[in-house]
Amino acid sequence: MRVNHWADEFLEEDPDDSFVRPYTITHGRTVSARDDLTLITVISTLTAPDGLVDGRGLEPEHRFILDQCRTPCVLAEVAARLNLPVAVAKILIGDLIDAGRVSARPPLAVAVGQRPDISLLQAVRDGLRRL
């Protein structure tokens, strides 16, 4: 069973819903407009000067991302927690970046010119396989 993001109830698995829901969440977009988002991009919620995060006017998935990324986490983890394909998560995160609600950066090792940590990449791969 999974949670319906449009209501506070559990739903039985519906094969048709697995295609319709991501399509409606992204307003029909199938590819992110951003090409800088990877599985290991670190996403962080940006807060207002008063420390509050305003989620009004956002889809439930956008609000979930804002909540999850109060503590920085990688894009693959956000997609897994949303139970959505990575491509859909990239579109939603791109929306939040464009709105100035989250920031995205490469992992620190990549940002300073070092090679990515192999153990981190393996952990991401293993997590994706478990999905």
C-alpha atoms as a PDB file:
ATOM      1  CA  MET A   1       0.000   0.000   0.000  1.00  0.00           C
ATOM      2  CA  ARG A   2       1.080   3.540  -0.574  1.00  0.00           C
ATOM      3  CA  VAL A   3      -0.030   6.988   0.548  1.00  0.00           C
ATOM      4  CA  ASN A   4      -2.156   9.033  -1.800  1.00  0.00           C
ATOM      5  CA  HIS A   5      -0.480  12.446  -1.950  1.00  0.00           C
ATOM      6  CA  TRP A   6      -3.834  14.056  -2.719  1.00  0.00           C
ATOM      7  CA  ALA A   7      -5.573  12.721   0.409  1.00  0.00           C
ATOM      8  CA  ASP A   8      -4.667  11.368   3.814  1.00  0.00           C
ATOM      9  CA  GLU A   9      -5.512   7.761   3.060  1.00  0.00           C
ATOM     10  CA  PHE A  10      -3.911   4.595   1.796  1.00  0.00           C
ATOM     11  CA  LEU A  11      -4.814   3.381  -1.656  1.00  0.00           C
ATOM     12  CA  GLU A  12      -4.565   0.047  -3.375  1.00  0.00           C
ATOM     13  CA  GLU A  13      -1.998  -0.020  -6.183  1.00  0.00           C
ATOM     14  CA  ASP A  14      -3.619   1.123  -9.450  1.00  0.00           C
ATOM     15  CA  PRO A  15      -1.542   0.561 -12.601  1.00  0.00           C
ATOM     16  CA  ASP A  16      -3.157   3.464 -14.450  1.00  0.00           C
ATOM     17  CA  ASP A  17      -2.443   5.857 -11.566  1.00  0.00           C
ATOM     18  CA  SER A  18       1.288   5.166 -11.844  1.00  0.00           C
ATOM     19  CA  PHE A  19       1.335   7.021 -15.185  1.00  0.00           C
ATOM     20  CA  VAL A  20      -1.356   9.634 -14.662  1.00  0.00           C
ATOM     21  CA  ARG A  21      -0.196  10.999 -11.320  1.00  0.00           C
ATOM     22  CA  PRO A  22       3.367  11.968 -12.374  1.00  0.00           C
ATOM     23  CA  TYR A  23       1.952  13.522 -15.539  1.00  0.00           C
ATOM     24  CA  THR A  24      -0.445  15.689 -13.549  1.00  0.00           C
ATOM     25  CA  ILE A  25       2.111  16.607 -10.892  1.00  0.00           C
ATOM     26  CA  THR A  26       4.501  17.921 -13.560  1.00  0.00           C
ATOM     27  CA  HIS A  27       1.706  19.559 -15.596  1.00  0.00           C
ATOM     28  CA  GLY A  28       2.539  17.338 -18.553  1.00  0.00           C
ATOM     29  CA  ARG A  29       6.274  17.953 -18.577  1.00  0.00           C
ATOM     30  CA  THR A  30       8.360  14.840 -19.117  1.00  0.00           C
ATOM     31  CA  VAL A  31      11.872  16.308 -18.993  1.00  0.00           C
ATOM     32  CA  SER A  32      13.429  18.785 -16.594  1.00  0.00           C
ATOM     33  CA  ALA A  33      14.430  22.130 -18.064  1.00  0.00           C
ATOM     34  CA  ARG A  34      17.604  21.897 -15.965  1.00  0.00           C
ATOM     35  CA  ASP A  35      20.526  19.777 -17.086  1.00  0.00           C
ATOM     36  CA  ASP A  36      22.628  20.370 -13.965  1.00  0.00           C
ATOM     37  CA  LEU A  37      20.673  18.023 -11.674  1.00  0.00           C
ATOM     38  CA  THR A  38      22.190  14.580 -11.113  1.00  0.00           C
ATOM     39  CA  LEU A  39      21.408  11.739  -8.728  1.00  0.00           C
ATOM     40  CA  ILE A  40      23.985  13.047  -6.242  1.00  0.00           C
ATOM     41  CA  THR A  41      23.088  16.747  -6.452  1.00  0.00           C
ATOM     42  CA  VAL A  42      22.574  18.055  -2.912  1.00  0.00           C
ATOM     43  CA  ILE A  43      19.266  19.850  -2.413  1.00  0.00           C
ATOM     44  CA  SER A  44      18.724  22.315   0.471  1.00  0.00           C
ATOM     45  CA  THR A  45      15.632  24.277   1.432  1.00  0.00           C
ATOM     46  CA  LEU A  46      16.109  28.036   1.528  1.00  0.00           C
ATOM     47  CA  THR A  47      14.360  29.702   4.434  1.00  0.00           C
ATOM     48  CA  ALA A  48      13.096  33.231   4.818  1.00  0.00           C
ATOM     49  CA  PRO A  49      14.960  35.584   7.176  1.00  0.00           C
ATOM     50  CA  ASP A  50      12.438  34.676   9.885  1.00  0.00           C
ATOM     51  CA  GLY A  51      13.402  30.991   9.508  1.00  0.00           C
ATOM     52  CA  LEU A  52      10.006  29.922   8.179  1.00  0.00           C
ATOM     53  CA  VAL A  53       9.355  27.987   4.998  1.00  0.00           C
ATOM     54  CA  ASP A  54       6.181  29.014   3.199  1.00  0.00           C
ATOM     55  CA  GLY A  55       4.521  26.143   1.333  1.00  0.00           C
ATOM     56  CA  ARG A  56       1.293  27.926   0.414  1.00  0.00           C
ATOM     57  CA  GLY A  57       0.235  27.582  -3.198  1.00  0.00           C
ATOM     58  CA  LEU A  58       2.439  24.544  -3.781  1.00  0.00           C
ATOM     59  CA  GLU A  59       1.569  20.993  -4.701  1.00  0.00           C
ATOM     60  CA  PRO A  60       1.878  18.445  -1.859  1.00  0.00           C
ATOM     61  CA  GLU A  61       5.019  16.993  -3.465  1.00  0.00           C
ATOM     62  CA  HIS A  62       6.683  20.419  -3.547  1.00  0.00           C
ATOM     63  CA  ARG A  63       5.886  20.901   0.148  1.00  0.00           C
ATOM     64  CA  PHE A  64       7.260  17.426   0.898  1.00  0.00           C
ATOM     65  CA  ILE A  65      10.533  18.333  -0.856  1.00  0.00           C
ATOM     66  CA  LEU A  66      10.786  21.571   1.131  1.00  0.00           C
ATOM     67  CA  ASP A  67      10.267  19.657   4.359  1.00  0.00           C
ATOM     68  CA  GLN A  68      12.709  16.851   3.488  1.00  0.00           C
ATOM     69  CA  CYS A  69      15.433  19.212   2.339  1.00  0.00           C
ATOM     70  CA  ARG A  70      15.547  21.306   5.520  1.00  0.00           C
ATOM     71  CA  THR A  71      18.456  18.959   6.123  1.00  0.00           C
ATOM     72  CA  PRO A  72      20.372  18.767   2.831  1.00  0.00           C
ATOM     73  CA  CYS A  73      19.891  15.490   0.956  1.00  0.00           C
ATOM     74  CA  VAL A  74      20.684  14.140  -2.487  1.00  0.00           C
ATOM     75  CA  LEU A  75      18.194  14.151  -5.335  1.00  0.00           C
ATOM     76  CA  ALA A  76      18.029  10.332  -5.502  1.00  0.00           C
ATOM     77  CA  GLU A  77      16.961  10.220  -1.858  1.00  0.00           C
ATOM     78  CA  VAL A  78      14.253  12.820  -2.436  1.00  0.00           C
ATOM     79  CA  ALA A  79      12.876  10.807  -5.381  1.00  0.00           C
ATOM     80  CA  ALA A  80      12.906   7.613  -3.316  1.00  0.00           C
ATOM     81  CA  ARG A  81      11.092   9.237  -0.392  1.00  0.00           C
ATOM     82  CA  LEU A  82       8.511  10.708  -2.768  1.00  0.00           C
ATOM     83  CA  ASN A  83       8.077   7.290  -4.377  1.00  0.00           C
ATOM     84  CA  LEU A  84       8.355   8.969  -7.785  1.00  0.00           C
ATOM     85  CA  PRO A  85      10.688   8.476 -10.746  1.00  0.00           C
ATOM     86  CA  VAL A  86      13.899  10.504 -10.652  1.00  0.00           C
ATOM     87  CA  ALA A  87      12.843  12.388 -13.810  1.00  0.00           C
ATOM     88  CA  VAL A  88       9.701  13.619 -12.031  1.00  0.00           C
ATOM     89  CA  ALA A  89      11.685  14.610  -8.930  1.00  0.00           C
ATOM     90  CA  LYS A  90      14.069  16.605 -11.153  1.00  0.00           C
ATOM     91  CA  ILE A  91      11.145  18.535 -12.623  1.00  0.00           C
ATOM     92  CA  LEU A  92       9.679  19.293  -9.180  1.00  0.00           C
ATOM     93  CA  ILE A  93      13.056  20.317  -7.750  1.00  0.00           C
ATOM     94  CA  GLY A  94      13.670  22.477 -10.834  1.00  0.00           C
ATOM     95  CA  ASP A  95      10.378  24.255 -10.113  1.00  0.00           C
ATOM     96  CA  LEU A  96      11.508  24.965  -6.547  1.00  0.00           C
ATOM     97  CA  ILE A  97      14.939  26.177  -7.702  1.00  0.00           C
ATOM     98  CA  ASP A  98      13.309  28.539 -10.192  1.00  0.00           C
ATOM     99  CA  ALA A  99      11.015  29.824  -7.438  1.00  0.00           C
ATOM    100  CA  GLY A 100      13.993  30.447  -5.124  1.00  0.00           C
ATOM    101  CA  ARG A 101      12.756  27.913  -2.568  1.00  0.00           C
ATOM    102  CA  VAL A 102      15.661  25.421  -2.700  1.00  0.00           C
ATOM    103  CA  SER A 103      19.289  25.447  -3.731  1.00  0.00           C
ATOM    104  CA  ALA A 104      21.156  22.718  -5.566  1.00  0.00           C
ATOM    105  CA  ARG A 105      24.862  22.043  -5.527  1.00  0.00           C
ATOM    106  CA  PRO A 106      27.164  19.175  -6.402  1.00  0.00           C
ATOM    107  CA  PRO A 107      28.565  17.153  -3.483  1.00  0.00           C
ATOM    108  CA  LEU A 108      31.449  18.958  -1.802  1.00  0.00           C
ATOM    109  CA  ALA A 109      34.115  16.633  -3.233  1.00  0.00           C
ATOM    110  CA  VAL A 110      32.894  17.350  -6.766  1.00  0.00           C
ATOM    111  CA  ALA A 111      32.535  21.062  -6.051  1.00  0.00           C
ATOM    112  CA  VAL A 112      36.198  21.418  -5.081  1.00  0.00           C
ATOM    113  CA  GLY A 113      37.448  19.424  -8.042  1.00  0.00           C
ATOM    114  CA  GLN A 114      37.986  16.069  -6.386  1.00  0.00           C
ATOM    115  CA  ARG A 115      36.590  12.846  -7.736  1.00  0.00           C
ATOM    116  CA  PRO A 116      33.277  11.674  -6.242  1.00  0.00           C
ATOM    117  CA  ASP A 117      33.472   9.291  -3.301  1.00  0.00           C
ATOM    118  CA  ILE A 118      33.005   5.772  -4.696  1.00  0.00           C
ATOM    119  CA  SER A 119      31.339   4.585  -1.478  1.00  0.00           C
ATOM    120  CA  LEU A 120      28.739   7.368  -1.802  1.00  0.00           C
ATOM    121  CA  LEU A 121      28.029   6.424  -5.400  1.00  0.00           C
ATOM    122  CA  GLN A 122      27.698   2.758  -4.445  1.00  0.00           C
ATOM    123  CA  ALA A 123      25.307   3.667  -1.623  1.00  0.00           C
ATOM    124  CA  VAL A 124      23.157   5.658  -4.066  1.00  0.00           C
ATOM    125  CA  ARG A 125      23.221   2.765  -6.540  1.00  0.00           C
ATOM    126  CA  ASP A 126      22.266   0.251  -3.843  1.00  0.00           C
ATOM    127  CA  GLY A 127      19.443   2.491  -2.638  1.00  0.00           C
ATOM    128  CA  LEU A 128      18.067   2.804  -6.149  1.00  0.00           C
ATOM    129  CA  ARG A 129      18.202  -0.946  -6.630  1.00  0.00           C
ATOM    130  CA  ARG A 130      16.121  -1.427  -3.480  1.00  0.00           C
ATOM    131  CA  LEU A 131      13.358   0.726  -4.973  1.00  0.00           C
END
